[in-house]
Amino acid sequence: MFTGLVREFGEVLGFQQNILTLKAKHRPKIGDSIAVNGACLTAIEIFNNGFSVELSEETQSHIALESYQGLVHIEPALRLQDRLDGHLVQGHIDGIGKIIKIIPHAIGIDFFITTNRDILALCIPKGSIAINGISLTINEVLDDSLRLTLIPHTIQNTLFGQYSVGTKVNIETDMFARMVQHFLSNKKDSNLTWEKVDRILGSY
């Protein structure tokens, strides 16, 4: 589990077959979970100035592989005693989005990201979403895209300042939105109600 708050920028040293090697200050232990551009990966090797993680075929089929070069966002897994400042992020990527428009404002920048309808169906105006591992608020859900407004602090402390129109990104929707959709679409329980959904979510 993660928060969607980037710990540092890692530098990709190599990406061959299923092994991604990163230069980073963070020192994980073998087997630790680490979010790299939002994807939860497992540390399999540690060396002096970084570590390596392994990507399964399933993971590679759901992420924007072209974003795993140069610099990437790194966040170690959340500890129980840690403060939760972003939102609960699992590191399970739903799919890929593409930046189609960037509009600067006096304070902040609007990013418009297009993606498939299955992902957009899980996007809620003013709800949470993780883009390349960064916890953000959805300002608007459009027919084929969503609009995010990033404040200067976020631009300065993430890689969003380097993104341009055409950049592909990893998207993870809010875990509770996914749960609700799953419960409501489950045909096995014809008596499912919002009260039952509320009770189930309350158990988390």
C-alpha atoms as a PDB file:
ATOM      1  CA  MET A   1       0.000   0.000   0.000  1.00  0.00           C
ATOM      2  CA  PHE A   2       1.208   3.515  -0.863  1.00  0.00           C
ATOM      3  CA  THR A   3       0.130   7.152  -0.437  1.00  0.00           C
ATOM      4  CA  GLY A   4       0.798   8.593  -3.888  1.00  0.00           C
ATOM      5  CA  LEU A   5       3.443  10.981  -2.526  1.00  0.00           C
ATOM      6  CA  VAL A   6       6.757  10.634  -4.361  1.00  0.00           C
ATOM      7  CA  ARG A   7       9.789   9.917  -2.164  1.00  0.00           C
ATOM      8  CA  GLU A   8      12.440  10.710  -4.758  1.00  0.00           C
ATOM      9  CA  PHE A   9      13.327  10.554  -8.430  1.00  0.00           C
ATOM     10  CA  GLY A  10      15.141   7.397  -9.460  1.00  0.00           C
ATOM     11  CA  GLU A  11      17.271   7.130 -12.574  1.00  0.00           C
ATOM     12  CA  VAL A  12      16.773   4.173 -14.889  1.00  0.00           C
ATOM     13  CA  LEU A  13      20.136   2.490 -15.483  1.00  0.00           C
ATOM     14  CA  GLY A  14      18.761  -0.367 -17.525  1.00  0.00           C
ATOM     15  CA  PHE A  15      15.591  -2.207 -18.492  1.00  0.00           C
ATOM     16  CA  GLN A  16      16.237  -5.611 -20.009  1.00  0.00           C
ATOM     17  CA  GLN A  17      13.551  -8.251 -20.410  1.00  0.00           C
ATOM     18  CA  ASN A  18      11.792  -8.192 -17.019  1.00  0.00           C
ATOM     19  CA  ILE A  19      14.485  -6.520 -14.871  1.00  0.00           C
ATOM     20  CA  LEU A  20      14.455  -2.768 -14.226  1.00  0.00           C
ATOM     21  CA  THR A  21      17.631  -1.383 -12.626  1.00  0.00           C
ATOM     22  CA  LEU A  22      17.481   1.973 -10.851  1.00  0.00           C
ATOM     23  CA  LYS A  23      19.927   4.417  -9.327  1.00  0.00           C
ATOM     24  CA  ALA A  24      18.388   5.821  -6.138  1.00  0.00           C
ATOM     25  CA  LYS A  25      19.128   6.974  -2.599  1.00  0.00           C
ATOM     26  CA  HIS A  26      16.429   4.700  -1.172  1.00  0.00           C
ATOM     27  CA  ARG A  27      17.788   1.425   0.206  1.00  0.00           C
ATOM     28  CA  PRO A  28      15.115  -1.269   0.205  1.00  0.00           C
ATOM     29  CA  LYS A  29      15.510  -4.817   1.439  1.00  0.00           C
ATOM     30  CA  ILE A  30      15.201  -7.829  -0.843  1.00  0.00           C
ATOM     31  CA  GLY A  31      11.481  -8.542  -1.251  1.00  0.00           C
ATOM     32  CA  ASP A  32      10.341  -4.999  -0.370  1.00  0.00           C
ATOM     33  CA  SER A  33       7.485  -3.470  -2.367  1.00  0.00           C
ATOM     34  CA  ILE A  34       8.341  -0.220  -4.141  1.00  0.00           C
ATOM     35  CA  ALA A  35       6.122   1.882  -6.397  1.00  0.00           C
ATOM     36  CA  VAL A  36       7.973   2.934  -9.558  1.00  0.00           C
ATOM     37  CA  ASN A  37       5.884   5.373 -11.590  1.00  0.00           C
ATOM     38  CA  GLY A  38       2.962   4.042  -9.584  1.00  0.00           C
ATOM     39  CA  ALA A  39       3.442   0.326 -10.292  1.00  0.00           C
ATOM     40  CA  CYS A  40       4.035  -1.857  -7.242  1.00  0.00           C
ATOM     41  CA  LEU A  41       7.227  -3.831  -7.903  1.00  0.00           C
ATOM     42  CA  THR A  42       9.440  -6.141  -5.832  1.00  0.00           C
ATOM     43  CA  ALA A  43      13.096  -5.432  -5.061  1.00  0.00           C
ATOM     44  CA  ILE A  44      15.195  -8.434  -6.107  1.00  0.00           C
ATOM     45  CA  GLU A  45      18.736  -7.006  -5.929  1.00  0.00           C
ATOM     46  CA  ILE A  46      20.440  -4.244  -3.944  1.00  0.00           C
ATOM     47  CA  PHE A  47      23.745  -2.604  -4.856  1.00  0.00           C
ATOM     48  CA  ASN A  48      25.784   0.430  -3.766  1.00  0.00           C
ATOM     49  CA  ASN A  49      23.804   3.170  -5.493  1.00  0.00           C
ATOM     50  CA  GLY A  50      20.453   1.575  -6.218  1.00  0.00           C
ATOM     51  CA  PHE A  51      18.428  -1.584  -6.701  1.00  0.00           C
ATOM     52  CA  SER A  52      16.672  -3.766  -9.258  1.00  0.00           C
ATOM     53  CA  VAL A  53      13.008  -4.748  -9.468  1.00  0.00           C
ATOM     54  CA  GLU A  54      11.205  -7.393 -11.485  1.00  0.00           C
ATOM     55  CA  LEU A  55       8.222  -6.785 -13.789  1.00  0.00           C
ATOM     56  CA  SER A  56       5.875  -9.657 -14.604  1.00  0.00           C
ATOM     57  CA  GLU A  57       4.325 -10.042 -18.042  1.00  0.00           C
ATOM     58  CA  GLU A  58       0.983  -8.977 -16.535  1.00  0.00           C
ATOM     59  CA  THR A  59       2.521  -5.762 -15.192  1.00  0.00           C
ATOM     60  CA  GLN A  60       4.271  -4.966 -18.465  1.00  0.00           C
ATOM     61  CA  SER A  61       1.006  -5.378 -20.378  1.00  0.00           C
ATOM     62  CA  HIS A  62      -0.742  -2.727 -18.245  1.00  0.00           C
ATOM     63  CA  ILE A  63       1.870   0.024 -17.870  1.00  0.00           C
ATOM     64  CA  ALA A  64       3.357   2.752 -20.065  1.00  0.00           C
ATOM     65  CA  LEU A  65       6.689   1.009 -20.679  1.00  0.00           C
ATOM     66  CA  GLU A  66       8.101   4.011 -22.543  1.00  0.00           C
ATOM     67  CA  SER A  67       7.984   6.027 -19.295  1.00  0.00           C
ATOM     68  CA  TYR A  68      10.572   3.710 -17.691  1.00  0.00           C
ATOM     69  CA  GLN A  69      13.583   5.603 -18.952  1.00  0.00           C
ATOM     70  CA  GLY A  70      15.406   8.635 -17.647  1.00  0.00           C
ATOM     71  CA  LEU A  71      13.864   9.660 -14.314  1.00  0.00           C
ATOM     72  CA  VAL A  72      10.974   7.895 -12.563  1.00  0.00           C
ATOM     73  CA  HIS A  73       8.917   8.444  -9.416  1.00  0.00           C
ATOM     74  CA  ILE A  74       9.839   6.209  -6.462  1.00  0.00           C
ATOM     75  CA  GLU A  75       7.770   5.592  -3.326  1.00  0.00           C
ATOM     76  CA  PRO A  76       8.468   2.841  -0.758  1.00  0.00           C
ATOM     77  CA  ALA A  77       5.507   0.987   0.735  1.00  0.00           C
ATOM     78  CA  LEU A  78       3.481   2.676   3.463  1.00  0.00           C
ATOM     79  CA  ARG A  79       4.237   1.649   7.053  1.00  0.00           C
ATOM     80  CA  LEU A  80       1.424   1.421   9.611  1.00  0.00           C
ATOM     81  CA  GLN A  81       2.897   4.268  11.670  1.00  0.00           C
ATOM     82  CA  ASP A  82       3.240   6.594   8.656  1.00  0.00           C
ATOM     83  CA  ARG A  83       1.032   9.623   8.164  1.00  0.00           C
ATOM     84  CA  LEU A  84      -1.395   9.342   5.240  1.00  0.00           C
ATOM     85  CA  ASP A  85      -1.236  12.648   3.340  1.00  0.00           C
ATOM     86  CA  GLY A  86      -2.243  11.493  -0.162  1.00  0.00           C
ATOM     87  CA  HIS A  87      -4.783   8.700  -0.587  1.00  0.00           C
ATOM     88  CA  LEU A  88      -4.606   4.915  -0.348  1.00  0.00           C
ATOM     89  CA  VAL A  89      -2.859   3.633  -3.469  1.00  0.00           C
ATOM     90  CA  GLN A  90      -2.322  -0.071  -4.160  1.00  0.00           C
ATOM     91  CA  GLY A  91       0.199   0.217  -6.959  1.00  0.00           C
ATOM     92  CA  HIS A  92      -2.076  -1.853  -9.217  1.00  0.00           C
ATOM     93  CA  ILE A  93      -2.191  -0.027 -12.550  1.00  0.00           C
ATOM     94  CA  ASP A  94      -5.580  -0.061 -14.298  1.00  0.00           C
ATOM     95  CA  GLY A  95      -4.235   1.070 -17.640  1.00  0.00           C
ATOM     96  CA  ILE A  96      -2.529   3.746 -19.666  1.00  0.00           C
ATOM     97  CA  GLY A  97      -3.522   7.339 -20.340  1.00  0.00           C
ATOM     98  CA  LYS A  98      -2.128   9.937 -22.732  1.00  0.00           C
ATOM     99  CA  ILE A  99      -1.763  13.660 -22.146  1.00  0.00           C
ATOM    100  CA  ILE A 100      -3.701  15.409 -24.922  1.00  0.00           C
ATOM    101  CA  LYS A 101      -3.726  19.022 -23.716  1.00  0.00           C
ATOM    102  CA  ILE A 102      -1.826  21.194 -21.224  1.00  0.00           C
ATOM    103  CA  ILE A 103      -3.186  24.620 -20.229  1.00  0.00           C
ATOM    104  CA  PRO A 104      -1.095  26.838 -17.910  1.00  0.00           C
ATOM    105  CA  HIS A 105      -2.907  29.248 -15.572  1.00  0.00           C
ATOM    106  CA  ALA A 106      -1.736  32.036 -13.297  1.00  0.00           C
ATOM    107  CA  ILE A 107      -1.600  29.471 -10.504  1.00  0.00           C
ATOM    108  CA  GLY A 108      -1.310  25.866 -11.600  1.00  0.00           C
ATOM    109  CA  ILE A 109      -1.576  23.909 -14.838  1.00  0.00           C
ATOM    110  CA  ASP A 110      -4.463  21.888 -16.284  1.00  0.00           C
ATOM    111  CA  PHE A 111      -3.552  18.473 -17.696  1.00  0.00           C
ATOM    112  CA  PHE A 112      -6.110  16.686 -19.873  1.00  0.00           C
ATOM    113  CA  ILE A 113      -5.547  12.927 -20.018  1.00  0.00           C
ATOM    114  CA  THR A 114      -7.426  10.616 -22.356  1.00  0.00           C
ATOM    115  CA  THR A 115      -7.944   6.941 -21.533  1.00  0.00           C
ATOM    116  CA  ASN A 116     -10.422   4.128 -22.139  1.00  0.00           C
ATOM    117  CA  ARG A 117     -14.057   4.249 -21.029  1.00  0.00           C
ATOM    118  CA  ASP A 118     -13.639   1.483 -18.440  1.00  0.00           C
ATOM    119  CA  ILE A 119     -11.159   3.649 -16.544  1.00  0.00           C
ATOM    120  CA  LEU A 120     -13.177   6.840 -17.016  1.00  0.00           C
ATOM    121  CA  ALA A 121     -16.217   5.057 -15.550  1.00  0.00           C
ATOM    122  CA  LEU A 122     -14.261   4.757 -12.282  1.00  0.00           C
ATOM    123  CA  CYS A 123     -13.271   8.450 -12.232  1.00  0.00           C
ATOM    124  CA  ILE A 124     -15.297  10.697  -9.950  1.00  0.00           C
ATOM    125  CA  PRO A 125     -15.192  14.528 -10.085  1.00  0.00           C
ATOM    126  CA  LYS A 126     -13.248  15.737  -7.016  1.00  0.00           C
ATOM    127  CA  GLY A 127     -12.274  12.113  -6.360  1.00  0.00           C
ATOM    128  CA  SER A 128      -8.754  10.715  -6.098  1.00  0.00           C
ATOM    129  CA  ILE A 129      -6.587   9.191  -8.809  1.00  0.00           C
ATOM    130  CA  ALA A 130      -2.919   8.220  -9.098  1.00  0.00           C
ATOM    131  CA  ILE A 131      -1.053   9.251 -12.254  1.00  0.00           C
ATOM    132  CA  ASN A 132       2.453   7.753 -12.520  1.00  0.00           C
ATOM    133  CA  GLY A 133       2.193   7.153  -8.793  1.00  0.00           C
ATOM    134  CA  ILE A 134       1.237  10.716  -7.843  1.00  0.00           C
ATOM    135  CA  SER A 135      -1.925  11.242  -5.776  1.00  0.00           C
ATOM    136  CA  LEU A 136      -4.072  13.835  -7.543  1.00  0.00           C
ATOM    137  CA  THR A 137      -7.625  15.172  -7.478  1.00  0.00           C
ATOM    138  CA  ILE A 138      -9.858  14.836 -10.535  1.00  0.00           C
ATOM    139  CA  ASN A 139     -11.331  18.222 -11.394  1.00  0.00           C
ATOM    140  CA  GLU A 140     -13.546  17.164 -14.278  1.00  0.00           C
ATOM    141  CA  VAL A 141     -14.536  13.972 -16.097  1.00  0.00           C
ATOM    142  CA  LEU A 142     -15.207  14.515 -19.807  1.00  0.00           C
ATOM    143  CA  ASP A 143     -16.495  12.171 -22.526  1.00  0.00           C
ATOM    144  CA  ASP A 144     -13.083  10.798 -23.444  1.00  0.00           C
ATOM    145  CA  SER A 145     -10.699  12.316 -20.908  1.00  0.00           C
ATOM    146  CA  LEU A 146     -10.270  13.770 -17.440  1.00  0.00           C
ATOM    147  CA  ARG A 147      -8.929  17.125 -16.296  1.00  0.00           C
ATOM    148  CA  LEU A 148      -6.427  17.521 -13.491  1.00  0.00           C
ATOM    149  CA  THR A 149      -5.179  20.820 -12.074  1.00  0.00           C
ATOM    150  CA  LEU A 150      -1.692  20.687 -10.585  1.00  0.00           C
ATOM    151  CA  ILE A 151      -0.459  23.393  -8.226  1.00  0.00           C
ATOM    152  CA  PRO A 152       3.086  24.798  -8.618  1.00  0.00           C
ATOM    153  CA  HIS A 153       4.372  22.714  -5.676  1.00  0.00           C
ATOM    154  CA  THR A 154       3.316  19.482  -7.389  1.00  0.00           C
ATOM    155  CA  ILE A 155       4.840  20.575 -10.701  1.00  0.00           C
ATOM    156  CA  GLN A 156       8.145  21.398  -8.988  1.00  0.00           C
ATOM    157  CA  ASN A 157       8.344  18.199  -6.920  1.00  0.00           C
ATOM    158  CA  THR A 158       7.242  15.628  -9.500  1.00  0.00           C
ATOM    159  CA  LEU A 159       8.131  14.859 -13.101  1.00  0.00           C
ATOM    160  CA  PHE A 160       4.942  16.479 -14.398  1.00  0.00           C
ATOM    161  CA  GLY A 161       6.945  19.578 -15.286  1.00  0.00           C
ATOM    162  CA  GLN A 162       8.759  17.474 -17.896  1.00  0.00           C
ATOM    163  CA  TYR A 163       5.644  15.936 -19.422  1.00  0.00           C
ATOM    164  CA  SER A 164       4.265  17.164 -22.722  1.00  0.00           C
ATOM    165  CA  VAL A 165       1.346  16.477 -25.051  1.00  0.00           C
ATOM    166  CA  GLY A 166       1.644  12.846 -26.140  1.00  0.00           C
ATOM    167  CA  THR A 167       3.289  11.615 -22.931  1.00  0.00           C
ATOM    168  CA  LYS A 168       1.812   8.283 -21.814  1.00  0.00           C
ATOM    169  CA  VAL A 169       1.207   7.711 -18.104  1.00  0.00           C
ATOM    170  CA  ASN A 170       0.154   4.964 -15.718  1.00  0.00           C
ATOM    171  CA  ILE A 171      -3.327   5.333 -14.217  1.00  0.00           C
ATOM    172  CA  GLU A 172      -4.630   3.803 -10.999  1.00  0.00           C
ATOM    173  CA  THR A 173      -8.209   4.657 -10.100  1.00  0.00           C
ATOM    174  CA  ASP A 174      -9.451   4.936  -6.531  1.00  0.00           C
ATOM    175  CA  MET A 175      -9.590   1.493  -4.890  1.00  0.00           C
ATOM    176  CA  PHE A 176     -12.971   2.186  -3.269  1.00  0.00           C
ATOM    177  CA  ALA A 177     -14.511   3.150  -6.622  1.00  0.00           C
ATOM    178  CA  ARG A 178     -13.280  -0.188  -8.007  1.00  0.00           C
ATOM    179  CA  MET A 179     -14.798  -2.057  -5.058  1.00  0.00           C
ATOM    180  CA  VAL A 180     -18.183  -0.381  -5.445  1.00  0.00           C
ATOM    181  CA  GLN A 181     -18.267  -1.104  -9.178  1.00  0.00           C
ATOM    182  CA  HIS A 182     -17.378  -4.749  -8.562  1.00  0.00           C
ATOM    183  CA  PHE A 183     -20.036  -5.203  -5.877  1.00  0.00           C
ATOM    184  CA  LEU A 184     -22.770  -3.515  -7.899  1.00  0.00           C
ATOM    185  CA  SER A 185     -21.955  -5.460 -11.055  1.00  0.00           C
ATOM    186  CA  ASN A 186     -21.812  -8.825  -9.253  1.00  0.00           C
ATOM    187  CA  LYS A 187     -24.816 -10.736 -10.590  1.00  0.00           C
ATOM    188  CA  LYS A 188     -24.502 -13.462  -7.956  1.00  0.00           C
ATOM    189  CA  ASP A 189     -26.066 -11.269  -5.282  1.00  0.00           C
ATOM    190  CA  SER A 190     -29.344  -9.885  -6.627  1.00  0.00           C
ATOM    191  CA  ASN A 191     -30.133  -8.412  -3.199  1.00  0.00           C
ATOM    192  CA  LEU A 192     -27.057  -6.181  -3.078  1.00  0.00           C
ATOM    193  CA  THR A 193     -27.955  -2.687  -1.863  1.00  0.00           C
ATOM    194  CA  TRP A 194     -26.067   0.522  -1.176  1.00  0.00           C
ATOM    195  CA  GLU A 195     -26.475  -0.259   2.550  1.00  0.00           C
ATOM    196  CA  LYS A 196     -24.614  -3.552   2.044  1.00  0.00           C
ATOM    197  CA  VAL A 197     -21.921  -1.809   0.009  1.00  0.00           C
ATOM    198  CA  ASP A 198     -21.535   0.804   2.758  1.00  0.00           C
ATOM    199  CA  ARG A 199     -21.194  -1.942   5.367  1.00  0.00           C
ATOM    200  CA  ILE A 200     -18.592  -3.785   3.304  1.00  0.00           C
ATOM    201  CA  LEU A 201     -16.547  -0.634   2.709  1.00  0.00           C
ATOM    202  CA  GLY A 202     -16.847   0.241   6.393  1.00  0.00           C
ATOM    203  CA  SER A 203     -15.007  -2.975   7.226  1.00  0.00           C
ATOM    204  CA  TYR A 204     -11.895  -1.525   5.582  1.00  0.00           C
END
